[in-house]
Amino acid sequence: MAQMTMVQAITDALHTELKNDENVLVFGEDVGHNGGVFRVTDGLQKEFGEDRVFDTPLAESAIGGLAIGLSIEGYRPVPEIQFFGFVFEVMDSVAGQLSRMRYRSGGTETAPVTIRSPFGGGVATPEMHADSLEGLMAQTPGLKVVIPSTPYDAKGLLIASIRDNDPVVFLEHMKLYRSFREEVPEEEYTIDLGKADVKREGSDVTIITYGAMVHTSLKAAEELAEEDVDVEVIDLRTVSPIDIETIVESVQKTNRAIVVQEAQRQAGVAANVVAEIQERAILHLEAPVMRVTAPDTVYPFAADEGIWLPDHKDVKEKVNEIMNF
């Protein structure tokens, strides 16, 4: 196995599917010759040609419309929205059209589109680049929403997303692109969409999280272990649909749950997870389900994001609160 960053793992997944299926097309702003803002598509146009990996105008609405038309004609488009803060420009295509294709056609048409996009804070981006808008997507029936936290997961989940016959929004946290390496198989493999992963087993409290907050939670868990608090950390991986069974099984064991997300308290998917736990496992709870989130304000300018974003100290504080309830 090779040691890969998340960028390398995603590039490898795109390469795998471009090679396996001639109907896979990769397009977006600067993804061709330049290889994308983060060089995720670097070298793909040179190998597969301009007909299969190509640049588009700086118009997200046009990218979405193109993806719809290509999917109806039998292609598997993998468009990139350069930063997910620009998703508002393509919301009609995603939420109003792609998400409804199977239902609208009575099951005769599908929309096998995988929309890739970077997002997330902690890297001092300009305004509109770091927003966590996954909640908008997760609240749209008909879409699958995937957020990997490791290179291994990124490759397997992206290949599975591209092969899926329904639209998938695949979000890549910018802070994780090159923050670490891990072993990733060079051969192709898939990870089931809608299946969470227990990143750390524990017995005292369950943390449910996703994206970069997985690593924040794991850091908190390791420090709490020195205080004799045993934390279980669940990585949702797919925030729509959510793997409720894995969550409930964990909560029945630990009897306490905290949901951690980078998005604002009123945004993201934490509130939905809390509601599901309350409905399905309330008799197992020894304390209310709690949340660690960003505050309900507009994402701040880069100089203040370190204060605004949740960190491992916030997670530890919430764990201690729930343990002492």
Protein backbone atom coordinates (compact mmCIF):
# COMPACT_ATOMS: atom_id res chain seq x y z
CA MET A 1 0.00 0.00 0.00
CA ALA A 2 1.06 3.58 -0.64
CA GLN A 3 1.22 6.46 1.81
CA MET A 4 -1.22 9.10 0.54
CA THR A 5 -2.60 12.47 1.52
CA MET A 6 -6.30 13.04 1.03
CA VAL A 7 -5.58 14.99 -2.17
CA GLN A 8 -3.63 12.06 -3.56
CA ALA A 9 -6.33 9.58 -2.54
CA ILE A 10 -9.04 11.61 -4.27
CA THR A 11 -6.92 12.00 -7.39
CA ASP A 12 -6.35 8.25 -7.36
CA ALA A 13 -10.10 7.61 -7.10
CA LEU A 14 -10.83 9.93 -10.03
CA HIS A 15 -8.09 8.27 -12.07
CA THR A 16 -9.52 4.84 -11.26
CA GLU A 17 -13.02 5.71 -12.43
CA LEU A 18 -11.92 7.63 -15.52
CA LYS A 19 -9.94 4.55 -16.51
CA ASN A 20 -12.72 2.07 -15.66
CA ASP A 21 -15.67 3.85 -17.29
CA GLU A 22 -15.49 5.97 -20.43
CA ASN A 23 -18.76 7.65 -19.41
CA VAL A 24 -17.12 9.30 -16.40
CA LEU A 25 -16.43 12.98 -17.11
CA VAL A 26 -14.62 15.45 -14.83
CA PHE A 27 -15.24 19.17 -15.31
CA GLY A 28 -15.28 22.48 -13.49
CA GLU A 29 -13.41 25.75 -13.11
CA ASP A 30 -9.65 25.27 -13.72
CA VAL A 31 -9.76 21.47 -13.28
CA GLY A 32 -8.14 20.79 -16.68
CA HIS A 33 -4.66 22.07 -17.51
CA ASN A 34 -4.17 23.69 -14.07
CA GLY A 35 -5.35 20.61 -12.18
CA GLY A 36 -7.71 22.55 -9.93
CA VAL A 37 -7.10 25.07 -7.17
CA PHE A 38 -5.78 22.33 -4.88
CA ARG A 39 -4.30 20.22 -7.71
CA VAL A 40 -6.79 17.42 -7.08
CA THR A 41 -7.23 16.85 -10.82
CA ASP A 42 -3.57 17.37 -11.66
CA GLY A 43 -2.47 15.29 -14.65
CA LEU A 44 -5.91 13.87 -15.43
CA GLN A 45 -6.54 15.97 -18.54
CA LYS A 46 -3.13 15.07 -19.94
CA GLU A 47 -3.87 11.36 -19.57
CA PHE A 48 -7.55 11.22 -20.50
CA GLY A 49 -7.88 14.16 -22.87
CA GLU A 50 -9.85 17.39 -23.04
CA ASP A 51 -13.08 15.60 -23.95
CA ARG A 52 -13.20 13.87 -20.57
CA VAL A 53 -11.45 16.31 -18.21
CA PHE A 54 -12.18 19.90 -19.12
CA ASP A 55 -12.54 23.46 -17.89
CA THR A 56 -15.85 25.29 -17.73
CA PRO A 57 -16.73 28.99 -17.58
CA LEU A 58 -16.81 30.61 -14.13
CA ALA A 59 -20.53 29.87 -13.84
CA GLU A 60 -21.72 27.33 -11.30
CA SER A 61 -25.25 27.39 -12.70
CA ALA A 62 -23.89 26.33 -16.09
CA ILE A 63 -21.87 23.54 -14.47
CA GLY A 64 -25.02 22.21 -12.83
CA GLY A 65 -27.07 22.40 -16.01
CA LEU A 66 -24.37 20.59 -17.95
CA ALA A 67 -24.26 17.83 -15.32
CA ILE A 68 -28.02 17.32 -15.58
CA GLY A 69 -27.98 17.02 -19.36
CA LEU A 70 -24.99 14.69 -19.44
CA SER A 71 -26.48 12.39 -16.80
CA ILE A 72 -29.72 12.06 -18.77
CA GLU A 73 -27.67 11.08 -21.83
CA GLY A 74 -25.97 8.22 -19.98
CA TYR A 75 -22.78 9.85 -18.70
CA ARG A 76 -21.50 9.88 -15.12
CA PRO A 77 -20.50 13.51 -14.56
CA VAL A 78 -18.16 14.48 -11.73
CA PRO A 79 -18.40 18.27 -11.67
CA GLU A 80 -16.41 20.36 -9.22
CA ILE A 81 -17.80 23.42 -7.45
CA GLN A 82 -14.57 25.28 -6.81
CA PHE A 83 -15.58 26.17 -3.23
CA PHE A 84 -18.81 25.01 -1.63
CA GLY A 85 -19.68 28.52 -0.52
CA PHE A 86 -20.60 29.09 -4.17
CA VAL A 87 -23.25 26.36 -4.12
CA PHE A 88 -26.04 28.94 -4.00
CA GLU A 89 -25.38 29.66 -7.67
CA VAL A 90 -26.21 26.04 -8.54
CA MET A 91 -28.88 25.19 -5.95
CA ASP A 92 -31.69 24.84 -8.49
CA SER A 93 -29.74 22.26 -10.47
CA VAL A 94 -28.80 20.30 -7.35
CA ALA A 95 -31.84 20.56 -5.09
CA GLY A 96 -34.50 21.40 -7.66
CA GLN A 97 -33.54 19.07 -10.49
CA LEU A 98 -30.94 16.35 -9.79
CA SER A 99 -32.48 15.35 -6.46
CA ARG A 100 -35.90 14.81 -8.07
CA MET A 101 -34.87 12.98 -11.23
CA ARG A 102 -35.70 9.44 -10.15
CA TYR A 103 -39.05 10.40 -8.61
CA ARG A 104 -40.03 12.77 -11.40
CA SER A 105 -39.44 10.12 -14.06
CA GLY A 106 -41.13 7.30 -12.20
CA GLY A 107 -37.82 5.50 -11.87
CA THR A 108 -37.08 5.53 -15.60
CA GLU A 109 -34.27 8.10 -15.29
CA THR A 110 -31.45 8.44 -12.79
CA ALA A 111 -28.93 11.19 -12.12
CA PRO A 112 -25.55 9.53 -11.46
CA VAL A 113 -23.81 12.84 -10.73
CA THR A 114 -21.10 13.24 -8.09
CA ILE A 115 -20.56 16.87 -7.17
CA ARG A 116 -17.16 17.40 -5.58
CA SER A 117 -16.34 20.52 -3.61
CA PRO A 118 -13.84 21.73 -0.98
CA PHE A 119 -15.13 23.41 2.17
CA GLY A 120 -14.21 23.99 5.80
CA GLY A 121 -12.31 26.35 8.06
CA GLY A 122 -8.94 26.61 9.66
CA VAL A 123 -6.96 27.53 6.55
CA ALA A 124 -7.56 31.31 6.42
CA THR A 125 -9.59 31.45 3.22
CA PRO A 126 -11.45 34.53 1.99
CA GLU A 127 -15.14 35.06 2.69
CA MET A 128 -17.58 32.52 1.15
CA HIS A 129 -14.93 29.80 0.88
CA ALA A 130 -14.99 28.02 4.25
CA ASP A 131 -18.71 27.80 5.09
CA SER A 132 -20.06 24.43 6.24
CA LEU A 133 -23.25 24.20 4.17
CA GLU A 134 -23.71 20.44 4.31
CA GLY A 135 -26.96 20.94 6.24
CA LEU A 136 -28.59 22.47 3.16
CA MET A 137 -27.75 19.34 1.19
CA ALA A 138 -28.63 16.87 3.95
CA GLN A 139 -32.07 18.46 4.25
CA THR A 140 -32.75 17.87 0.55
CA PRO A 141 -34.44 14.50 -0.08
CA GLY A 142 -32.94 12.63 -3.02
CA LEU A 143 -29.33 13.60 -2.38
CA LYS A 144 -26.59 11.59 -0.69
CA VAL A 145 -24.05 13.72 1.16
CA VAL A 146 -20.59 12.32 1.86
CA ILE A 147 -17.81 13.89 3.95
CA PRO A 148 -14.62 11.82 4.36
CA SER A 149 -12.17 12.43 7.19
CA THR A 150 -9.20 10.31 6.04
CA PRO A 151 -7.40 9.51 2.79
CA TYR A 152 -8.46 5.84 3.00
CA ASP A 153 -12.11 6.77 3.40
CA ALA A 154 -11.89 9.46 0.72
CA LYS A 155 -10.79 7.05 -2.01
CA GLY A 156 -13.28 4.32 -1.18
CA LEU A 157 -16.18 6.69 -0.68
CA LEU A 158 -15.49 8.66 -3.87
CA ILE A 159 -15.35 5.53 -6.03
CA ALA A 160 -18.62 4.36 -4.46
CA SER A 161 -20.17 7.79 -5.06
CA ILE A 162 -19.24 7.88 -8.74
CA ARG A 163 -20.68 4.39 -9.24
CA ASP A 164 -23.92 5.28 -7.44
CA ASN A 165 -26.92 5.85 -9.68
CA ASP A 166 -28.23 8.76 -7.63
CA PRO A 167 -26.75 12.24 -7.11
CA VAL A 168 -24.04 12.54 -4.46
CA VAL A 169 -22.58 15.69 -2.94
CA PHE A 170 -18.99 14.83 -1.99
CA LEU A 171 -17.46 17.43 0.32
CA GLU A 172 -13.72 17.62 0.98
CA HIS A 173 -12.47 19.54 4.02
CA MET A 174 -9.63 21.80 2.93
CA LYS A 175 -7.74 21.44 6.21
CA LEU A 176 -7.50 17.68 5.65
CA TYR A 177 -6.19 17.80 2.08
CA ARG A 178 -2.52 17.62 3.04
CA SER A 179 -2.52 17.51 6.83
CA PHE A 180 -1.40 13.87 7.12
CA ARG A 181 -0.76 10.67 5.20
CA GLU A 182 -1.94 7.13 5.74
CA GLU A 183 -1.80 3.80 3.96
CA VAL A 184 -4.23 3.60 1.05
CA PRO A 185 -4.54 0.53 -1.21
CA GLU A 186 -3.37 1.22 -4.74
CA GLU A 187 -6.05 -1.09 -6.14
CA GLU A 188 -9.68 -0.03 -6.38
CA TYR A 189 -12.10 -0.53 -3.48
CA THR A 190 -15.37 0.95 -2.29
CA ILE A 191 -16.83 1.94 1.07
CA ASP A 192 -20.60 1.66 1.42
CA LEU A 193 -22.40 5.00 1.45
CA GLY A 194 -24.59 5.49 4.50
CA LYS A 195 -22.32 3.48 6.80
CA ALA A 196 -20.58 5.16 9.74
CA ASP A 197 -17.22 4.09 11.13
CA VAL A 198 -16.22 3.74 14.78
CA LYS A 199 -12.83 5.46 14.76
CA ARG A 200 -12.23 4.86 18.47
CA GLU A 201 -14.03 2.46 20.79
CA GLY A 202 -14.99 3.58 24.28
CA SER A 203 -17.41 2.88 27.11
CA ASP A 204 -18.23 6.18 28.86
CA VAL A 205 -19.57 8.56 26.22
CA THR A 206 -20.22 8.52 22.47
CA ILE A 207 -19.08 11.37 20.24
CA ILE A 208 -20.76 11.50 16.83
CA THR A 209 -19.01 13.72 14.30
CA TYR A 210 -17.74 14.07 10.74
CA GLY A 211 -15.11 15.80 8.60
CA ALA A 212 -12.26 17.63 10.32
CA MET A 213 -14.06 17.42 13.66
CA VAL A 214 -13.28 13.69 13.68
CA HIS A 215 -9.64 14.53 14.35
CA THR A 216 -10.56 17.23 16.85
CA SER A 217 -12.70 14.69 18.72
CA LEU A 218 -10.02 12.01 18.61
CA LYS A 219 -7.49 14.44 20.09
CA ALA A 220 -9.92 15.24 22.88
CA ALA A 221 -10.58 11.54 23.44
CA GLU A 222 -6.89 10.75 23.80
CA GLU A 223 -6.41 13.50 26.37
CA LEU A 224 -9.55 12.44 28.25
CA ALA A 225 -8.24 8.87 28.42
CA GLU A 226 -5.49 10.20 30.70
CA GLU A 227 -8.29 11.38 33.00
CA ASP A 228 -9.91 7.90 32.98
CA VAL A 229 -12.76 8.91 30.65
CA ASP A 230 -13.21 6.40 27.84
CA VAL A 231 -14.65 8.09 24.73
CA GLU A 232 -16.07 6.35 21.68
CA VAL A 233 -15.77 8.38 18.46
CA ILE A 234 -18.08 7.69 15.52
CA ASP A 235 -17.32 9.18 12.11
CA LEU A 236 -20.58 9.51 10.19
CA ARG A 237 -18.75 9.62 6.82
CA THR A 238 -22.16 10.00 5.14
CA VAL A 239 -24.36 12.72 6.65
CA SER A 240 -27.29 11.82 4.42
CA PRO A 241 -28.42 9.13 4.89
CA ILE A 242 -27.21 8.85 8.48
CA ASP A 243 -26.28 5.46 9.90
CA ILE A 244 -28.66 5.56 12.86
CA GLU A 245 -28.13 1.89 13.75
CA THR A 246 -24.42 2.35 14.53
CA ILE A 247 -25.17 5.44 16.60
CA VAL A 248 -27.93 3.80 18.64
CA GLU A 249 -25.83 0.70 19.27
CA SER A 250 -23.05 2.88 20.65
CA VAL A 251 -25.37 4.99 22.80
CA GLN A 252 -26.94 1.86 24.28
CA LYS A 253 -23.42 0.93 25.42
CA THR A 254 -22.17 4.30 26.70
CA ASN A 255 -25.50 5.88 27.78
CA ARG A 256 -24.23 9.36 26.87
CA ALA A 257 -23.88 11.17 23.54
CA ILE A 258 -22.36 14.37 22.18
CA VAL A 259 -22.57 15.53 18.57
CA VAL A 260 -19.65 17.61 17.31
CA GLN A 261 -19.77 19.66 14.11
CA GLU A 262 -17.90 22.59 12.61
CA ALA A 263 -21.10 24.17 11.31
CA GLN A 264 -23.12 26.65 13.34
CA ARG A 265 -25.47 25.28 16.00
CA GLN A 266 -28.54 25.96 13.83
CA ALA A 267 -26.87 24.48 10.73
CA GLY A 268 -25.12 21.21 9.91
CA VAL A 269 -26.67 17.87 10.84
CA ALA A 270 -26.18 17.73 14.63
CA ALA A 271 -29.79 18.62 15.49
CA ASN A 272 -31.07 15.76 13.34
CA VAL A 273 -28.71 13.29 15.00
CA VAL A 274 -29.80 14.50 18.44
CA ALA A 275 -33.47 14.06 17.53
CA GLU A 276 -32.89 10.53 16.23
CA ILE A 277 -31.09 9.52 19.44
CA GLN A 278 -33.84 11.00 21.61
CA GLU A 279 -36.52 9.13 19.66
CA ARG A 280 -34.73 5.78 19.48
CA ALA A 281 -32.60 5.52 22.61
CA ILE A 282 -33.95 7.91 25.24
CA LEU A 283 -34.41 5.16 27.82
CA HIS A 284 -30.70 4.39 27.60
CA LEU A 285 -29.59 7.97 28.26
CA GLU A 286 -28.19 9.08 31.61
CA ALA A 287 -27.87 12.71 30.45
CA PRO A 288 -29.26 14.93 27.69
CA VAL A 289 -27.64 14.61 24.27
CA MET A 290 -25.33 17.61 23.94
CA ARG A 291 -23.66 19.48 21.08
CA VAL A 292 -20.36 21.15 20.32
CA THR A 293 -20.73 23.55 17.40
CA ALA A 294 -19.70 26.92 16.05
CA PRO A 295 -21.82 29.86 17.23
CA ASP A 296 -24.85 31.05 15.27
CA THR A 297 -23.13 33.87 13.39
CA VAL A 298 -21.90 34.39 9.87
CA TYR A 299 -18.52 32.72 9.35
CA PRO A 300 -15.93 35.28 10.51
CA PHE A 301 -12.99 36.71 8.64
CA ALA A 302 -9.79 34.66 8.81
CA ALA A 303 -8.28 36.63 11.70
CA ASP A 304 -11.04 35.41 14.03
CA GLU A 305 -11.74 31.89 12.79
CA GLY A 306 -9.42 30.34 15.38
CA ILE A 307 -11.69 31.73 18.10
CA TRP A 308 -14.90 30.87 16.27
CA LEU A 309 -14.20 27.26 15.29
CA PRO A 310 -14.76 24.47 17.85
CA ASP A 311 -11.55 22.88 19.12
CA HIS A 312 -10.58 19.86 21.24
CA LYS A 313 -10.78 21.93 24.42
CA ASP A 314 -14.44 22.66 23.69
CA VAL A 315 -15.03 18.95 23.18
CA LYS A 316 -13.29 18.05 26.44
CA GLU A 317 -15.32 20.64 28.32
CA LYS A 318 -18.57 19.21 26.97
CA VAL A 319 -17.53 15.64 27.79
CA ASN A 320 -16.76 16.64 31.38
CA GLU A 321 -20.12 18.40 31.56
CA ILE A 322 -22.04 15.34 30.42
CA MET A 323 -20.06 13.00 32.68
CA ASN A 324 -20.91 15.19 35.68
CA PHE A 325 -24.56 15.70 34.80
